[in-house]
Amino acid sequence: MIKYESVGYNQNISLDTVDMPLYFYLELNNSCNLRCKFCSVSNKNNEYMSMDMARSILDELKNNGIYDVYYTGGEPLMHPNFMEIVEYASQLGIRQTILTNGIFLDKIQPVLNKIMCVCVSLHGTKEMHNKLTDSNCYDKVLLNIELARKITNVKINYTVTSDNQDIKEMRSILEFGNKKNIPVSFAKYNNIGEGKKNKCYININSFVENLNILKSEGYNFSINDCIAPCTVEDKYTYLTHGCGAGYLFGSIDYNGNVKICPSSKRIIGNIKENSIKKIWNQTSLKDYRKMAWIPEYCKVCKNLARCRCGCKIELGEKLNEINDYIVKTEIEKVWNKIKKKNMKVNISVLRKEKKDYVSLSYPSRKYNLEAVKILEKINNGERLEQFEKYKNFLVALYRDGVLKDVSLNAEKKNRK
């Protein structure tokens, strides 16, 4: 086990701070009337959560002090008993939010006054929204937004992909929101589900640059999805934040499967077999929340408390590893860039301290014996690619300037 830690401040972080999350997503069904290009859900069928299961889940959430639920799917308004579920949750005193494409809002008008907030997906101008949803639903959605906002709170959710990250598209939604007094939230596209199949992508730098411009123009908006600070320039860090999956919130699907996030494929338990509380406090989830597993380049990051290792579900089903697509892609780029280079270690003095070693050169870091042995081998001319097992550690060293590329100096001498 490699040790590479900061000296002078404790960078350890634990998310295991409460027995139960603050809220749950209820995936009432996996069917949808649209086929959005970037959708995070694949394999849509016509399966629904039973009314008995819905009542049981809502009862247990209330008994555990969880008073906020977010209905999602698929399209949750397609559930045949949706209004009945809302009525039951309302009787329990549970605050309810709907995540919807907005097309069926007029069908549930009788219970809209029992909904705390309706979050409607709207992804740009009429032409852009209809293109991304593969429909002609824009006008209908606007009519239903107008209907809903007369009864309850409405919010617009705008998912940003390469197609609609143009600042004019983003500004058009903010103008609409200002005119109707409706808050707008932007979320970056996540590389999962239908979006991954359709080879969608996002230019994260262009995205945050546009957000920064819109902020400077005086627009108010929120940012829904996590953006890891290490994927953007420092001046845009204020626009970034981490993901709450697995500690702030969880998800229960129509089959009773519990997950850390509605978009996750990893099932951590089922309410037919165990209570939500028992599932939530199993050893694997507690280990995940204690964050001891995070790689070295995250352990020494000044923004760790803000980021908390980015998206938790994009790249796989394992809990205890980096799953943020953009973060992992950037790390692989750095590794491929440096692994065949000749490197020297930029440390003048190491001081022995108990079982570890402390660098007296900047940056101040603490190493264990295994890490020091690797540094010695690299300084003696061994290429980094021989230590691929430790690439997270080596990328962290390179980013911190502890590893210097001496091949650059050789190239300069040859040119002279």
Protein backbone atom coordinates (compact mmCIF):
# COMPACT_ATOMS: atom_id res chain seq x y z
CA MET A 1 0.00 0.00 0.00
CA ILE A 2 1.49 3.30 -1.15
CA LYS A 3 1.37 6.33 1.14
CA TYR A 4 1.40 9.79 -0.39
CA GLU A 5 -0.13 12.33 1.96
CA SER A 6 -0.06 16.04 2.59
CA VAL A 7 1.97 17.40 5.49
CA GLY A 8 0.60 20.27 7.57
CA TYR A 9 -3.09 19.52 7.19
CA ASN A 10 -5.27 16.44 7.42
CA GLN A 11 -6.77 15.62 4.02
CA ASN A 12 -8.79 12.64 5.23
CA ILE A 13 -12.49 12.89 4.48
CA SER A 14 -15.38 10.67 5.54
CA LEU A 15 -18.91 10.84 4.18
CA ASP A 16 -20.20 8.33 6.72
CA THR A 17 -21.79 11.01 8.89
CA VAL A 18 -25.49 10.04 9.15
CA ASP A 19 -27.33 6.73 9.53
CA MET A 20 -29.72 7.47 6.67
CA PRO A 21 -29.61 9.76 3.61
CA LEU A 22 -31.50 13.04 3.46
CA TYR A 23 -33.75 11.99 0.58
CA PHE A 24 -34.54 9.18 -1.83
CA TYR A 25 -35.34 8.98 -5.52
CA LEU A 26 -38.25 6.65 -6.24
CA GLU A 27 -38.00 5.18 -9.75
CA LEU A 28 -41.69 4.45 -10.19
CA ASN A 29 -41.32 2.89 -13.64
CA ASN A 30 -38.82 2.42 -16.43
CA SER A 31 -41.10 3.37 -19.33
CA CYS A 32 -41.04 6.70 -21.13
CA ASN A 33 -42.93 8.37 -23.96
CA LEU A 34 -39.76 10.02 -25.30
CA ARG A 35 -36.41 8.76 -26.55
CA CYS A 36 -34.06 11.56 -25.58
CA LYS A 37 -30.70 11.31 -27.28
CA PHE A 38 -28.73 11.79 -24.05
CA CYS A 39 -30.98 9.83 -21.65
CA SER A 40 -29.17 8.20 -18.72
CA VAL A 41 -31.54 5.20 -18.78
CA SER A 42 -31.33 2.27 -21.22
CA ASN A 43 -33.58 -0.73 -21.81
CA LYS A 44 -36.92 0.96 -21.17
CA ASN A 45 -39.84 -1.45 -20.69
CA ASN A 46 -43.36 -1.11 -19.31
CA GLU A 47 -42.65 -2.11 -15.71
CA TYR A 48 -44.13 -0.28 -12.72
CA MET A 49 -43.74 -0.17 -8.96
CA SER A 50 -46.77 -1.80 -7.34
CA MET A 51 -49.01 0.34 -5.17
CA ASP A 52 -48.34 -1.93 -2.19
CA MET A 53 -44.59 -1.50 -2.63
CA ALA A 54 -44.93 2.26 -2.98
CA ARG A 55 -46.91 2.47 0.28
CA SER A 56 -44.41 0.24 2.08
CA ILE A 57 -41.44 2.34 0.90
CA LEU A 58 -43.09 5.62 1.86
CA ASP A 59 -44.00 4.24 5.31
CA GLU A 60 -40.43 3.09 5.93
CA LEU A 61 -38.92 6.37 4.73
CA LYS A 62 -41.13 8.34 7.09
CA ASN A 63 -40.33 6.00 9.99
CA ASN A 64 -36.62 6.67 9.35
CA GLY A 65 -37.03 10.44 9.30
CA ILE A 66 -36.79 10.85 5.52
CA TYR A 67 -39.37 13.39 4.40
CA ASP A 68 -38.23 14.17 0.86
CA VAL A 69 -38.83 12.01 -2.21
CA TYR A 70 -38.11 12.70 -5.85
CA TYR A 71 -40.25 10.78 -8.33
CA THR A 72 -38.36 9.71 -11.43
CA GLY A 73 -38.35 6.91 -13.98
CA GLY A 74 -38.58 6.60 -16.98
CA GLU A 75 -41.31 9.18 -17.01
CA PRO A 76 -42.95 8.91 -13.56
CA LEU A 77 -46.25 10.45 -14.67
CA MET A 78 -46.85 7.35 -16.82
CA HIS A 79 -47.35 5.29 -13.64
CA PRO A 80 -51.03 4.21 -13.64
CA ASN A 81 -51.38 4.95 -9.91
CA PHE A 82 -49.29 8.10 -9.77
CA MET A 83 -51.98 10.34 -8.26
CA GLU A 84 -52.80 7.69 -5.68
CA ILE A 85 -49.13 7.52 -4.65
CA VAL A 86 -49.00 11.31 -4.31
CA GLU A 87 -52.14 11.31 -2.16
CA TYR A 88 -50.70 8.65 0.14
CA ALA A 89 -47.33 10.40 0.54
CA SER A 90 -49.13 13.67 1.23
CA GLN A 91 -51.06 12.05 4.08
CA LEU A 92 -47.71 10.97 5.60
CA GLY A 93 -46.42 14.55 5.45
CA ILE A 94 -43.75 13.72 2.87
CA ARG A 95 -42.47 16.51 0.62
CA GLN A 96 -42.68 15.47 -3.02
CA THR A 97 -40.78 16.56 -6.12
CA ILE A 98 -41.38 15.33 -9.67
CA LEU A 99 -38.66 14.97 -12.32
CA THR A 100 -40.63 14.95 -15.58
CA ASN A 101 -40.54 15.75 -19.27
CA GLY A 102 -43.72 17.74 -18.63
CA ILE A 103 -45.94 16.23 -21.30
CA PHE A 104 -48.49 14.68 -18.90
CA LEU A 105 -48.64 17.40 -16.26
CA ASP A 106 -52.15 18.38 -17.29
CA LYS A 107 -53.28 14.79 -16.57
CA ILE A 108 -52.28 15.04 -12.89
CA GLN A 109 -53.54 18.56 -12.27
CA PRO A 110 -55.76 17.43 -9.33
CA VAL A 111 -52.68 16.55 -7.20
CA LEU A 112 -50.26 19.30 -8.28
CA ASN A 113 -51.11 21.27 -5.14
CA LYS A 114 -49.64 18.37 -3.10
CA ILE A 115 -46.31 18.55 -5.00
CA MET A 116 -43.55 20.74 -3.55
CA CYS A 117 -41.79 21.25 -6.89
CA VAL A 118 -42.15 20.12 -10.50
CA CYS A 119 -38.78 19.89 -12.28
CA VAL A 120 -39.40 19.98 -16.03
CA SER A 121 -36.79 19.03 -18.65
CA LEU A 122 -36.28 21.75 -21.26
CA HIS A 123 -33.14 21.69 -23.37
CA GLY A 124 -32.99 24.85 -25.46
CA THR A 125 -35.01 26.53 -28.16
CA LYS A 126 -37.97 24.77 -29.75
CA GLU A 127 -35.86 23.37 -32.58
CA MET A 128 -33.12 22.13 -30.25
CA HIS A 129 -35.46 20.64 -27.63
CA ASN A 130 -37.48 18.74 -30.24
CA LYS A 131 -34.28 17.50 -31.87
CA LEU A 132 -32.82 16.16 -28.61
CA THR A 133 -36.09 14.53 -27.50
CA ASP A 134 -36.89 13.18 -30.99
CA SER A 135 -40.38 14.65 -30.73
CA ASN A 136 -42.56 17.70 -31.34
CA CYS A 137 -43.34 18.17 -27.66
CA TYR A 138 -41.94 21.66 -27.02
CA ASP A 139 -45.20 23.59 -27.29
CA LYS A 140 -47.03 21.06 -25.11
CA VAL A 141 -44.31 21.25 -22.47
CA LEU A 142 -44.52 25.06 -22.36
CA LEU A 143 -48.30 24.93 -21.95
CA ASN A 144 -47.96 22.50 -19.06
CA ILE A 145 -45.22 24.56 -17.41
CA GLU A 146 -47.64 27.51 -17.50
CA LEU A 147 -50.38 25.34 -15.97
CA ALA A 148 -48.18 23.92 -13.22
CA ARG A 149 -46.62 27.21 -12.12
CA LYS A 150 -50.07 28.59 -11.29
CA ILE A 151 -50.49 25.76 -8.76
CA THR A 152 -47.04 24.93 -7.37
CA ASN A 153 -43.31 25.59 -7.73
CA VAL A 154 -41.72 24.83 -11.08
CA LYS A 155 -38.07 24.49 -12.00
CA ILE A 156 -36.47 23.95 -15.42
CA ASN A 157 -33.74 21.31 -15.79
CA TYR A 158 -31.47 21.75 -18.81
CA THR A 159 -29.12 18.88 -19.65
CA VAL A 160 -26.06 20.17 -21.49
CA THR A 161 -24.50 18.08 -24.26
CA SER A 162 -22.31 18.94 -27.22
CA ASP A 163 -25.52 19.65 -29.20
CA ASN A 164 -26.94 22.35 -26.94
CA GLN A 165 -23.95 23.74 -25.04
CA ASP A 166 -23.97 26.79 -27.33
CA ILE A 167 -24.33 29.84 -25.09
CA LYS A 168 -27.22 31.20 -27.17
CA GLU A 169 -29.24 28.06 -26.44
CA MET A 170 -28.42 28.28 -22.74
CA ARG A 171 -29.24 31.98 -22.64
CA SER A 172 -32.60 31.41 -24.33
CA ILE A 173 -33.72 29.19 -21.44
CA LEU A 174 -32.50 31.68 -18.84
CA GLU A 175 -34.47 34.44 -20.60
CA PHE A 176 -37.56 32.24 -20.58
CA GLY A 177 -37.04 31.50 -16.89
CA ASN A 178 -36.62 35.19 -16.07
CA LYS A 179 -39.78 36.09 -17.96
CA LYS A 180 -41.84 33.44 -16.15
CA ASN A 181 -40.04 33.75 -12.80
CA ILE A 182 -38.95 30.10 -13.00
CA PRO A 183 -35.50 29.04 -11.73
CA VAL A 184 -33.22 27.19 -14.15
CA SER A 185 -30.71 24.47 -13.38
CA PHE A 186 -27.98 23.22 -15.73
CA ALA A 187 -26.62 19.68 -15.59
CA LYS A 188 -23.76 18.32 -17.66
CA TYR A 189 -24.34 15.21 -19.73
CA ASN A 190 -23.20 12.00 -18.02
CA ASN A 191 -21.59 9.30 -20.13
CA ILE A 192 -24.13 6.55 -19.40
CA GLY A 193 -27.30 4.97 -20.79
CA GLU A 194 -28.67 6.03 -24.18
CA GLY A 195 -26.26 8.95 -24.32
CA LYS A 196 -23.31 6.58 -24.28
CA LYS A 197 -24.90 4.44 -27.02
CA ASN A 198 -25.51 7.56 -29.10
CA LYS A 199 -21.91 8.72 -28.58
CA CYS A 200 -22.98 11.95 -26.91
CA TYR A 201 -20.30 14.01 -25.21
CA ILE A 202 -19.68 17.35 -23.56
CA ASN A 203 -16.77 19.76 -23.76
CA ILE A 204 -16.44 20.49 -20.07
CA ASN A 205 -14.21 23.53 -20.60
CA SER A 206 -16.67 25.15 -23.00
CA PHE A 207 -19.50 24.33 -20.61
CA VAL A 208 -17.98 26.04 -17.57
CA GLU A 209 -16.73 28.94 -19.69
CA ASN A 210 -20.32 29.55 -20.83
CA LEU A 211 -21.58 29.28 -17.26
CA ASN A 212 -19.01 31.84 -16.18
CA ILE A 213 -20.04 34.25 -18.95
CA LEU A 214 -23.72 33.86 -18.06
CA LYS A 215 -22.92 34.54 -14.40
CA SER A 216 -21.01 37.70 -15.41
CA GLU A 217 -24.07 38.81 -17.41
CA GLY A 218 -26.12 38.69 -14.22
CA TYR A 219 -28.10 35.49 -14.79
CA ASN A 220 -28.98 33.37 -11.76
CA PHE A 221 -29.04 29.60 -12.10
CA SER A 222 -28.00 26.47 -10.26
CA ILE A 223 -25.83 23.55 -11.37
CA ASN A 224 -27.41 20.15 -10.83
CA ASP A 225 -24.73 17.66 -11.71
CA CYS A 226 -21.30 17.28 -10.16
CA ILE A 227 -18.25 18.74 -11.89
CA ALA A 228 -14.87 17.70 -10.53
CA PRO A 229 -12.59 20.75 -9.97
CA CYS A 230 -9.57 18.95 -11.47
CA THR A 231 -11.32 18.86 -14.88
CA VAL A 232 -11.55 22.67 -15.24
CA GLU A 233 -9.30 25.71 -14.89
CA ASP A 234 -8.85 27.07 -11.37
CA LYS A 235 -10.85 30.22 -12.14
CA TYR A 236 -13.93 28.05 -12.76
CA THR A 237 -13.65 26.04 -9.53
CA TYR A 238 -16.48 28.06 -7.99
CA LEU A 239 -18.83 26.41 -10.51
CA THR A 240 -17.92 22.89 -9.39
CA HIS A 241 -19.27 20.60 -6.70
CA GLY A 242 -19.32 16.92 -5.81
CA CYS A 243 -21.87 14.14 -6.02
CA GLY A 244 -24.11 13.12 -3.11
CA ALA A 245 -24.81 9.55 -4.27
CA GLY A 246 -24.59 7.00 -1.50
CA TYR A 247 -24.52 9.39 1.43
CA LEU A 248 -26.84 12.38 0.82
CA PHE A 249 -29.29 10.42 -1.32
CA GLY A 250 -30.19 6.95 -2.55
CA SER A 251 -32.60 5.43 -5.01
CA ILE A 252 -35.21 2.65 -5.04
CA ASP A 253 -36.47 1.30 -8.36
CA TYR A 254 -39.78 -0.27 -9.39
CA ASN A 255 -38.55 -3.75 -8.38
CA GLY A 256 -37.50 -2.63 -4.91
CA ASN A 257 -33.79 -2.55 -5.79
CA VAL A 258 -31.80 -0.04 -3.74
CA LYS A 259 -28.96 1.85 -5.46
CA ILE A 260 -26.82 4.85 -4.61
CA CYS A 261 -28.13 6.75 -7.65
CA PRO A 262 -31.06 6.37 -10.10
CA SER A 263 -28.56 6.06 -12.97
CA SER A 264 -26.48 3.36 -11.27
CA LYS A 265 -26.54 -0.25 -12.44
CA ARG A 266 -25.17 -1.59 -9.16
CA ILE A 267 -27.84 -3.03 -6.85
CA ILE A 268 -26.84 -2.82 -3.18
CA GLY A 269 -29.92 -4.57 -1.80
CA ASN A 270 -33.64 -5.10 -2.17
CA ILE A 271 -36.40 -3.93 0.16
CA LYS A 272 -38.19 -7.30 -0.22
CA GLU A 273 -35.29 -8.92 1.61
CA ASN A 274 -34.02 -6.27 4.04
CA SER A 275 -35.04 -2.94 5.50
CA ILE A 276 -33.79 0.23 3.82
CA LYS A 277 -31.83 1.11 6.95
CA LYS A 278 -30.07 -2.26 7.05
CA ILE A 279 -29.20 -2.03 3.36
CA TRP A 280 -27.91 1.51 3.78
CA ASN A 281 -25.65 0.61 6.70
CA GLN A 282 -24.08 -2.55 5.29
CA THR A 283 -20.30 -2.81 5.51
CA SER A 284 -19.61 -2.23 1.80
CA LEU A 285 -21.52 1.05 1.79
CA LYS A 286 -19.94 2.25 5.02
CA ASP A 287 -16.49 1.51 3.56
CA TYR A 288 -17.46 3.45 0.44
CA ARG A 289 -18.52 6.45 2.52
CA LYS A 290 -15.35 6.38 4.63
CA MET A 291 -13.37 7.16 1.44
CA ALA A 292 -10.21 5.26 2.45
CA TRP A 293 -10.14 3.84 -1.10
CA ILE A 294 -9.59 7.12 -2.94
CA PRO A 295 -6.50 7.28 -5.21
CA GLU A 296 -3.38 9.25 -4.33
CA TYR A 297 -4.08 12.10 -6.76
CA CYS A 298 -7.35 12.74 -4.90
CA LYS A 299 -5.89 12.37 -1.40
CA VAL A 300 -3.58 15.37 -1.88
CA CYS A 301 -6.05 17.51 -3.84
CA LYS A 302 -6.90 20.85 -2.20
CA ASN A 303 -10.46 20.54 -3.55
CA LEU A 304 -11.23 17.06 -2.21
CA ALA A 305 -13.84 18.27 0.28
CA ARG A 306 -15.64 20.14 -2.51
CA CYS A 307 -15.36 17.38 -5.12
CA ARG A 308 -15.62 14.10 -3.14
CA CYS A 309 -14.27 12.23 -6.20
CA GLY A 310 -16.84 13.38 -8.75
CA CYS A 311 -19.52 11.20 -10.30
CA LYS A 312 -19.85 7.86 -8.50
CA ILE A 313 -21.45 5.71 -11.21
CA GLU A 314 -20.36 6.64 -14.75
CA LEU A 315 -17.69 4.02 -15.36
CA GLY A 316 -18.82 0.90 -13.57
CA GLU A 317 -20.52 -1.00 -10.80
CA LYS A 318 -17.70 -1.00 -8.24
CA LEU A 319 -18.23 1.40 -5.37
CA ASN A 320 -14.69 1.80 -4.13
CA GLU A 321 -12.96 3.33 -7.14
CA ILE A 322 -13.05 6.48 -9.26
CA ASN A 323 -16.05 6.30 -11.58
CA ASP A 324 -16.09 9.85 -12.96
CA TYR A 325 -15.62 9.55 -16.74
CA ILE A 326 -13.94 12.92 -17.31
CA VAL A 327 -11.63 12.57 -14.29
CA LYS A 328 -10.56 9.06 -15.28
CA THR A 329 -10.08 10.14 -18.91
CA GLU A 330 -7.81 13.01 -17.85
CA ILE A 331 -5.76 10.72 -15.59
CA GLU A 332 -5.28 8.25 -18.44
CA LYS A 333 -4.15 11.10 -20.72
CA VAL A 334 -1.52 12.18 -18.20
CA TRP A 335 -0.36 8.60 -17.65
CA ASN A 336 0.00 7.92 -21.37
CA LYS A 337 1.93 11.17 -21.71
CA ILE A 338 4.49 10.40 -19.00
CA LYS A 339 4.85 6.62 -18.80
CA LYS A 340 7.64 6.35 -21.40
CA LYS A 341 9.49 9.51 -20.32
CA ASN A 342 12.80 9.75 -18.46
CA MET A 343 11.99 11.19 -15.05
CA LYS A 344 13.95 12.53 -12.11
CA VAL A 345 12.66 12.96 -8.59
CA ASN A 346 12.55 16.57 -7.45
CA ILE A 347 13.21 15.97 -3.73
CA SER A 348 16.36 17.25 -2.04
CA VAL A 349 15.93 15.82 1.48
CA LEU A 350 13.73 13.16 3.05
CA ARG A 351 13.43 13.09 6.83
CA LYS A 352 12.66 9.82 8.63
CA GLU A 353 9.64 10.09 10.88
CA LYS A 354 8.62 6.88 12.66
CA LYS A 355 7.78 4.44 9.81
CA ASP A 356 7.40 7.15 7.18
CA TYR A 357 9.48 9.76 5.36
CA VAL A 358 8.72 13.46 5.08
CA SER A 359 9.92 15.53 2.12
CA LEU A 360 11.57 18.82 3.10
CA SER A 361 11.19 20.02 -0.49
CA TYR A 362 8.04 21.64 -1.83
CA PRO A 363 5.40 20.25 -1.85
CA SER A 364 5.61 18.82 1.65
CA ARG A 365 4.48 15.23 1.41
CA LYS A 366 4.67 12.09 3.51
CA TYR A 367 5.80 8.77 1.97
CA ASN A 368 6.06 5.23 3.27
CA LEU A 369 9.00 2.93 2.55
CA GLU A 370 7.33 1.33 -0.48
CA ALA A 371 6.85 4.76 -2.08
CA VAL A 372 10.46 5.74 -1.38
CA LYS A 373 11.76 2.56 -3.03
CA ILE A 374 9.80 3.38 -6.20
CA LEU A 375 11.20 6.93 -6.19
CA GLU A 376 14.75 5.55 -5.91
CA LYS A 377 14.21 3.22 -8.89
CA ILE A 378 12.82 6.05 -11.02
CA ASN A 379 15.77 8.26 -10.09
CA ASN A 380 18.07 5.47 -11.20
CA GLY A 381 16.58 5.51 -14.69
CA GLU A 382 13.73 3.01 -14.63
CA ARG A 383 10.77 4.07 -16.79
CA LEU A 384 7.40 4.78 -15.20
CA GLU A 385 5.64 2.17 -17.32
CA GLN A 386 7.32 -0.52 -15.22
CA PHE A 387 5.27 0.71 -12.28
CA GLU A 388 1.83 0.79 -13.92
CA LYS A 389 0.37 -0.79 -10.79
CA TYR A 390 1.12 2.52 -9.07
CA LYS A 391 0.07 4.89 -11.85
CA ASN A 392 -2.35 6.84 -9.62
CA PHE A 393 0.57 7.57 -7.30
CA LEU A 394 2.88 8.49 -10.20
CA VAL A 395 0.33 10.79 -11.81
CA ALA A 396 -0.07 12.53 -8.44
CA LEU A 397 3.73 12.96 -8.22
CA TYR A 398 3.88 14.41 -11.72
CA ARG A 399 1.03 16.83 -11.10
CA ASP A 400 2.72 18.00 -7.90
CA GLY A 401 6.03 18.55 -9.68
CA VAL A 402 7.80 15.85 -7.69
CA LEU A 403 8.56 14.04 -10.95
CA LYS A 404 10.37 16.12 -13.58
CA ASP A 405 10.64 15.15 -17.25
CA VAL A 406 14.39 15.18 -17.93
CA SER A 407 13.88 14.14 -21.56
CA LEU A 408 12.76 17.73 -22.25
CA ASN A 409 16.15 19.04 -21.15
CA ALA A 410 17.87 16.48 -23.35
CA GLU A 411 15.81 17.59 -26.35
CA LYS A 412 16.71 21.24 -25.74
CA LYS A 413 20.44 20.39 -25.57
CA ASN A 414 20.21 18.40 -28.81
CA ARG A 415 18.51 21.33 -30.58
CA LYS A 416 21.38 23.62 -29.50
